[in-house]
Amino acid sequence: MPRPTPLMTTSEAARALGIHPKTLSKYVSDGKLRPTLRLPSGHMRWDLEALKAQLRDMDDPDD
């Protein structure tokens, strides 16, 4: 069975995408993206592949 992919913090995910963490947080507050997990503290965790898929869908909403 494959091991689950570890979730990333907003800063880690933003770094992997080459964007600023505030940009990623703004997309969430604008309703454009959804984090994989939101902790009780309000912090977000991201599955990088799921995040990339959401970003692709943002770029091409007709698919």
PDB file of N, CA and C in Angstrom:
ATOM      1  N   MET A   1       0.841  -1.162   0.000  1.00  0.00           N
ATOM      2  CA  MET A   1       0.000   0.000   0.000  1.00  0.00           C
ATOM      3  C   MET A   1       0.896   1.240   0.000  1.00  0.00           C
ATOM      4  N   PRO A   2       0.588   2.243  -0.864  1.00  0.00           N
ATOM      5  CA  PRO A   2       1.428   3.438  -0.919  1.00  0.00           C
ATOM      6  C   PRO A   2       1.276   4.270   0.357  1.00  0.00           C
ATOM      7  N   ARG A   3       2.372   4.911   0.732  1.00  0.00           N
ATOM      8  CA  ARG A   3       2.342   5.767   1.910  1.00  0.00           C
ATOM      9  C   ARG A   3       1.643   7.076   1.569  1.00  0.00           C
ATOM     10  N   PRO A   4       0.856   7.601   2.485  1.00  0.00           N
ATOM     11  CA  PRO A   4       0.196   8.879   2.206  1.00  0.00           C
ATOM     12  C   PRO A   4       1.223  10.005   2.074  1.00  0.00           C
ATOM     13  N   THR A   5       0.912  10.942   1.222  1.00  0.00           N
ATOM     14  CA  THR A   5       1.786  12.085   1.019  1.00  0.00           C
ATOM     15  C   THR A   5       1.670  13.006   2.229  1.00  0.00           C
ATOM     16  N   PRO A   6       2.784  13.436   2.788  1.00  0.00           N
ATOM     17  CA  PRO A   6       2.690  14.347   3.933  1.00  0.00           C
ATOM     18  C   PRO A   6       2.107  15.692   3.504  1.00  0.00           C
ATOM     19  N   LEU A   7       1.319  16.266   4.383  1.00  0.00           N
ATOM     20  CA  LEU A   7       0.732  17.564   4.092  1.00  0.00           C
ATOM     21  C   LEU A   7       1.744  18.663   4.378  1.00  0.00           C
ATOM     22  N   MET A   8       1.626  19.744   3.626  1.00  0.00           N
ATOM     23  CA  MET A   8       2.564  20.860   3.730  1.00  0.00           C
ATOM     24  C   MET A   8       1.887  22.048   4.398  1.00  0.00           C
ATOM     25  N   THR A   9       2.686  22.864   5.052  1.00  0.00           N
ATOM     26  CA  THR A   9       2.180  24.134   5.564  1.00  0.00           C
ATOM     27  C   THR A   9       1.937  25.067   4.380  1.00  0.00           C
ATOM     28  N   THR A  10       1.264  26.168   4.637  1.00  0.00           N
ATOM     29  CA  THR A  10       1.033  27.159   3.586  1.00  0.00           C
ATOM     30  C   THR A  10       2.362  27.688   3.059  1.00  0.00           C
ATOM     31  N   SER A  11       3.303  27.958   3.940  1.00  0.00           N
ATOM     32  CA  SER A  11       4.609  28.469   3.502  1.00  0.00           C
ATOM     33  C   SER A  11       5.339  27.448   2.630  1.00  0.00           C
ATOM     34  N   GLU A  12       5.312  26.190   3.039  1.00  0.00           N
ATOM     35  CA  GLU A  12       5.978  25.143   2.248  1.00  0.00           C
ATOM     36  C   GLU A  12       5.328  24.986   0.882  1.00  0.00           C
ATOM     37  N   ALA A  13       4.001  24.979   0.849  1.00  0.00           N
ATOM     38  CA  ALA A  13       3.291  24.823  -0.420  1.00  0.00           C
ATOM     39  C   ALA A  13       3.562  26.014  -1.335  1.00  0.00           C
ATOM     40  N   ALA A  14       3.508  27.209  -0.770  1.00  0.00           N
ATOM     41  CA  ALA A  14       3.769  28.400  -1.579  1.00  0.00           C
ATOM     42  C   ALA A  14       5.190  28.367  -2.141  1.00  0.00           C
ATOM     43  N   ARG A  15       6.150  27.976  -1.315  1.00  0.00           N
ATOM     44  CA  ARG A  15       7.547  27.887  -1.777  1.00  0.00           C
ATOM     45  C   ARG A  15       7.654  26.886  -2.928  1.00  0.00           C
ATOM     46  N   ALA A  16       6.971  25.757  -2.810  1.00  0.00           N
ATOM     47  CA  ALA A  16       7.023  24.734  -3.861  1.00  0.00           C
ATOM     48  C   ALA A  16       6.413  25.237  -5.171  1.00  0.00           C
ATOM     49  N   LEU A  17       5.455  26.159  -5.056  1.00  0.00           N
ATOM     50  CA  LEU A  17       4.798  26.703  -6.245  1.00  0.00           C
ATOM     51  C   LEU A  17       5.471  27.965  -6.771  1.00  0.00           C
ATOM     52  N   GLY A  18       6.363  28.535  -5.969  1.00  0.00           N
ATOM     53  CA  GLY A  18       7.030  29.760  -6.383  1.00  0.00           C
ATOM     54  C   GLY A  18       6.161  30.999  -6.219  1.00  0.00           C
ATOM     55  N   ILE A  19       5.247  30.976  -5.245  1.00  0.00           N
ATOM     56  CA  ILE A  19       4.402  32.131  -4.981  1.00  0.00           C
ATOM     57  C   ILE A  19       4.554  32.529  -3.513  1.00  0.00           C
ATOM     58  N   HIS A  20       4.044  33.676  -3.164  1.00  0.00           N
ATOM     59  CA  HIS A  20       4.115  34.164  -1.790  1.00  0.00           C
ATOM     60  C   HIS A  20       3.007  33.489  -0.961  1.00  0.00           C
ATOM     61  N   PRO A  21       3.285  33.135   0.275  1.00  0.00           N
ATOM     62  CA  PRO A  21       2.255  32.521   1.116  1.00  0.00           C
ATOM     63  C   PRO A  21       0.987  33.362   1.238  1.00  0.00           C
ATOM     64  N   LYS A  22       1.119  34.679   1.240  1.00  0.00           N
ATOM     65  CA  LYS A  22      -0.067  35.539   1.321  1.00  0.00           C
ATOM     66  C   LYS A  22      -0.951  35.391   0.080  1.00  0.00           C
ATOM     67  N   THR A  23      -0.348  35.120  -1.054  1.00  0.00           N
ATOM     68  CA  THR A  23      -1.128  34.891  -2.276  1.00  0.00           C
ATOM     69  C   THR A  23      -1.978  33.645  -2.120  1.00  0.00           C
ATOM     70  N   LEU A  24      -1.391  32.589  -1.607  1.00  0.00           N
ATOM     71  CA  LEU A  24      -2.120  31.340  -1.389  1.00  0.00           C
ATOM     72  C   LEU A  24      -3.254  31.557  -0.388  1.00  0.00           C
ATOM     73  N   SER A  25      -2.982  32.262   0.685  1.00  0.00           N
ATOM     74  CA  SER A  25      -4.013  32.546   1.682  1.00  0.00           C
ATOM     75  C   SER A  25      -5.134  33.404   1.100  1.00  0.00           C
ATOM     76  N   LYS A  26      -4.785  34.347   0.234  1.00  0.00           N
ATOM     77  CA  LYS A  26      -5.801  35.197  -0.409  1.00  0.00           C
ATOM     78  C   LYS A  26      -6.703  34.367  -1.308  1.00  0.00           C
ATOM     79  N   TYR A  27      -6.131  33.430  -2.045  1.00  0.00           N
ATOM     80  CA  TYR A  27      -6.952  32.555  -2.886  1.00  0.00           C
ATOM     81  C   TYR A  27      -7.960  31.783  -2.034  1.00  0.00           C
ATOM     82  N   VAL A  28      -7.556  31.386  -0.845  1.00  0.00           N
ATOM     83  CA  VAL A  28      -8.473  30.676   0.048  1.00  0.00           C
ATOM     84  C   VAL A  28      -9.574  31.620   0.518  1.00  0.00           C
ATOM     85  N   SER A  29      -9.195  32.807   0.963  1.00  0.00           N
ATOM     86  CA  SER A  29     -10.208  33.744   1.467  1.00  0.00           C
ATOM     87  C   SER A  29     -11.151  34.195   0.360  1.00  0.00           C
ATOM     88  N   ASP A  30     -10.678  34.197  -0.884  1.00  0.00           N
ATOM     89  CA  ASP A  30     -11.528  34.551  -2.029  1.00  0.00           C
ATOM     90  C   ASP A  30     -12.385  33.380  -2.499  1.00  0.00           C
ATOM     91  N   GLY A  31     -12.183  32.201  -1.909  1.00  0.00           N
ATOM     92  CA  GLY A  31     -12.965  31.030  -2.293  1.00  0.00           C
ATOM     93  C   GLY A  31     -12.467  30.340  -3.550  1.00  0.00           C
ATOM     94  N   LYS A  32     -11.277  30.673  -4.009  1.00  0.00           N
ATOM     95  CA  LYS A  32     -10.726  30.075  -5.231  1.00  0.00           C
ATOM     96  C   LYS A  32     -10.060  28.732  -4.968  1.00  0.00           C
ATOM     97  N   LEU A  33      -9.542  28.545  -3.749  1.00  0.00           N
ATOM     98  CA  LEU A  33      -8.864  27.307  -3.376  1.00  0.00           C
ATOM     99  C   LEU A  33      -9.375  26.836  -2.030  1.00  0.00           C
ATOM    100  N   ARG A  34      -9.243  25.525  -1.794  1.00  0.00           N
ATOM    101  CA  ARG A  34      -9.583  24.938  -0.510  1.00  0.00           C
ATOM    102  C   ARG A  34      -8.408  24.119  -0.017  1.00  0.00           C
ATOM    103  N   PRO A  35      -7.980  24.362   1.221  1.00  0.00           N
ATOM    104  CA  PRO A  35      -6.885  23.552   1.751  1.00  0.00           C
ATOM    105  C   PRO A  35      -7.344  22.116   1.961  1.00  0.00           C
ATOM    106  N   THR A  36      -6.409  21.200   1.968  1.00  0.00           N
ATOM    107  CA  THR A  36      -6.721  19.795   2.226  1.00  0.00           C
ATOM    108  C   THR A  36      -7.241  19.629   3.639  1.00  0.00           C
ATOM    109  N   LEU A  37      -6.683  20.394   4.566  1.00  0.00           N
ATOM    110  CA  LEU A  37      -7.050  20.292   5.974  1.00  0.00           C
ATOM    111  C   LEU A  37      -6.925  21.662   6.612  1.00  0.00           C
ATOM    112  N   ARG A  38      -7.894  21.995   7.449  1.00  0.00           N
ATOM    113  CA  ARG A  38      -7.775  23.209   8.261  1.00  0.00           C
ATOM    114  C   ARG A  38      -7.763  22.763   9.716  1.00  0.00           C
ATOM    115  N   LEU A  39      -6.711  23.114  10.413  1.00  0.00           N
ATOM    116  CA  LEU A  39      -6.539  22.725  11.806  1.00  0.00           C
ATOM    117  C   LEU A  39      -7.441  23.567  12.712  1.00  0.00           C
ATOM    118  N   PRO A  40      -7.738  23.093  13.920  1.00  0.00           N
ATOM    119  CA  PRO A  40      -8.543  23.890  14.854  1.00  0.00           C
ATOM    120  C   PRO A  40      -7.958  25.286  15.088  1.00  0.00           C
ATOM    121  N   SER A  41      -6.663  25.417  14.939  1.00  0.00           N
ATOM    122  CA  SER A  41      -6.000  26.718  15.109  1.00  0.00           C
ATOM    123  C   SER A  41      -6.265  27.660  13.937  1.00  0.00           C
ATOM    124  N   GLY A  42      -6.830  27.125  12.843  1.00  0.00           N
ATOM    125  CA  GLY A  42      -7.068  27.917  11.643  1.00  0.00           C
ATOM    126  C   GLY A  42      -5.972  27.769  10.607  1.00  0.00           C
ATOM    127  N   HIS A  43      -4.858  27.155  10.989  1.00  0.00           N
ATOM    128  CA  HIS A  43      -3.763  26.936  10.042  1.00  0.00           C
ATOM    129  C   HIS A  43      -4.202  25.920   8.993  1.00  0.00           C
ATOM    130  N   MET A  44      -3.654  26.084   7.794  1.00  0.00           N
ATOM    131  CA  MET A  44      -4.018  25.220   6.674  1.00  0.00           C
ATOM    132  C   MET A  44      -2.894  24.250   6.359  1.00  0.00           C
ATOM    133  N   ARG A  45      -3.274  23.090   5.873  1.00  0.00           N
ATOM    134  CA  ARG A  45      -2.325  22.090   5.395  1.00  0.00           C
ATOM    135  C   ARG A  45      -2.742  21.700   3.985  1.00  0.00           C
ATOM    136  N   TRP A  46      -1.728  21.447   3.170  1.00  0.00           N
ATOM    137  CA  TRP A  46      -1.931  21.241   1.740  1.00  0.00           C
ATOM    138  C   TRP A  46      -1.313  19.943   1.253  1.00  0.00           C
ATOM    139  N   ASP A  47      -2.039  19.240   0.405  1.00  0.00           N
ATOM    140  CA  ASP A  47      -1.486  18.150  -0.401  1.00  0.00           C
ATOM    141  C   ASP A  47      -1.064  18.824  -1.701  1.00  0.00           C
ATOM    142  N   LEU A  48       0.214  18.794  -2.007  1.00  0.00           N
ATOM    143  CA  LEU A  48       0.739  19.558  -3.138  1.00  0.00           C
ATOM    144  C   LEU A  48       0.088  19.170  -4.460  1.00  0.00           C
ATOM    145  N   GLU A  49      -0.107  17.895  -4.698  1.00  0.00           N
ATOM    146  CA  GLU A  49      -0.713  17.483  -5.977  1.00  0.00           C
ATOM    147  C   GLU A  49      -2.165  17.950  -6.082  1.00  0.00           C
ATOM    148  N   ALA A  50      -2.911  17.873  -4.983  1.00  0.00           N
ATOM    149  CA  ALA A  50      -4.296  18.356  -4.985  1.00  0.00           C
ATOM    150  C   ALA A  50      -4.325  19.874  -5.207  1.00  0.00           C
ATOM    151  N   LEU A  51      -3.379  20.574  -4.601  1.00  0.00           N
ATOM    152  CA  LEU A  51      -3.297  22.021  -4.778  1.00  0.00           C
ATOM    153  C   LEU A  51      -2.985  22.366  -6.228  1.00  0.00           C
ATOM    154  N   LYS A  52      -2.049  21.658  -6.827  1.00  0.00           N
ATOM    155  CA  LYS A  52      -1.727  21.899  -8.239  1.00  0.00           C
ATOM    156  C   LYS A  52      -2.940  21.657  -9.122  1.00  0.00           C
ATOM    157  N   ALA A  53      -3.729  20.626  -8.820  1.00  0.00           N
ATOM    158  CA  ALA A  53      -4.935  20.347  -9.594  1.00  0.00           C
ATOM    159  C   ALA A  53      -5.942  21.491  -9.456  1.00  0.00           C
ATOM    160  N   GLN A  54      -6.095  22.030  -8.255  1.00  0.00           N
ATOM    161  CA  GLN A  54      -7.001  23.161  -8.059  1.00  0.00           C
ATOM    162  C   GLN A  54      -6.533  24.377  -8.856  1.00  0.00           C
ATOM    163  N   LEU A  55      -5.238  24.602  -8.868  1.00  0.00           N
ATOM    164  CA  LEU A  55      -4.701  25.735  -9.624  1.00  0.00           C
ATOM    165  C   LEU A  55      -4.912  25.542 -11.116  1.00  0.00           C
ATOM    166  N   ARG A  56      -4.752  24.312 -11.614  1.00  0.00           N
ATOM    167  CA  ARG A  56      -5.019  24.047 -13.039  1.00  0.00           C
ATOM    168  C   ARG A  56      -6.481  24.329 -13.356  1.00  0.00           C
ATOM    169  N   ASP A  57      -7.380  23.932 -12.448  1.00  0.00           N
ATOM    170  CA  ASP A  57      -8.805  24.182 -12.654  1.00  0.00           C
ATOM    171  C   ASP A  57      -9.111  25.665 -12.641  1.00  0.00           C
ATOM    172  N   MET A  58      -8.385  26.437 -11.847  1.00  0.00           N
ATOM    173  CA  MET A  58      -8.566  27.888 -11.845  1.00  0.00           C
ATOM    174  C   MET A  58      -8.179  28.479 -13.192  1.00  0.00           C
ATOM    175  N   ASP A  59      -7.105  27.947 -13.777  1.00  0.00           N
ATOM    176  CA  ASP A  59      -6.611  28.462 -15.060  1.00  0.00           C
ATOM    177  C   ASP A  59      -7.506  28.070 -16.220  1.00  0.00           C
ATOM    178  N   ASP A  60      -8.201  26.930 -16.091  1.00  0.00           N
ATOM    179  CA  ASP A  60      -9.030  26.424 -17.191  1.00  0.00           C
ATOM    180  C   ASP A  60     -10.366  25.931 -16.625  1.00  0.00           C
ATOM    181  N   PRO A  61     -11.265  26.862 -16.268  1.00  0.00           N
ATOM    182  CA  PRO A  61     -12.523  26.463 -15.627  1.00  0.00           C
ATOM    183  C   PRO A  61     -13.487  25.706 -16.531  1.00  0.00           C
ATOM    184  N   ASP A  62     -13.248  25.670 -17.844  1.00  0.00           N
ATOM    185  CA  ASP A  62     -14.146  24.978 -18.760  1.00  0.00           C
ATOM    186  C   ASP A  62     -13.958  23.476 -18.789  1.00  0.00           C
ATOM    187  N   ASP A  63     -12.876  22.985 -18.191  1.00  0.00           N
ATOM    188  CA  ASP A  63     -12.615  21.529 -18.188  1.00  0.00           C
ATOM    189  C   ASP A  63     -13.494  20.837 -17.192  1.00  0.00           C
TER     190      ASP A  63
END
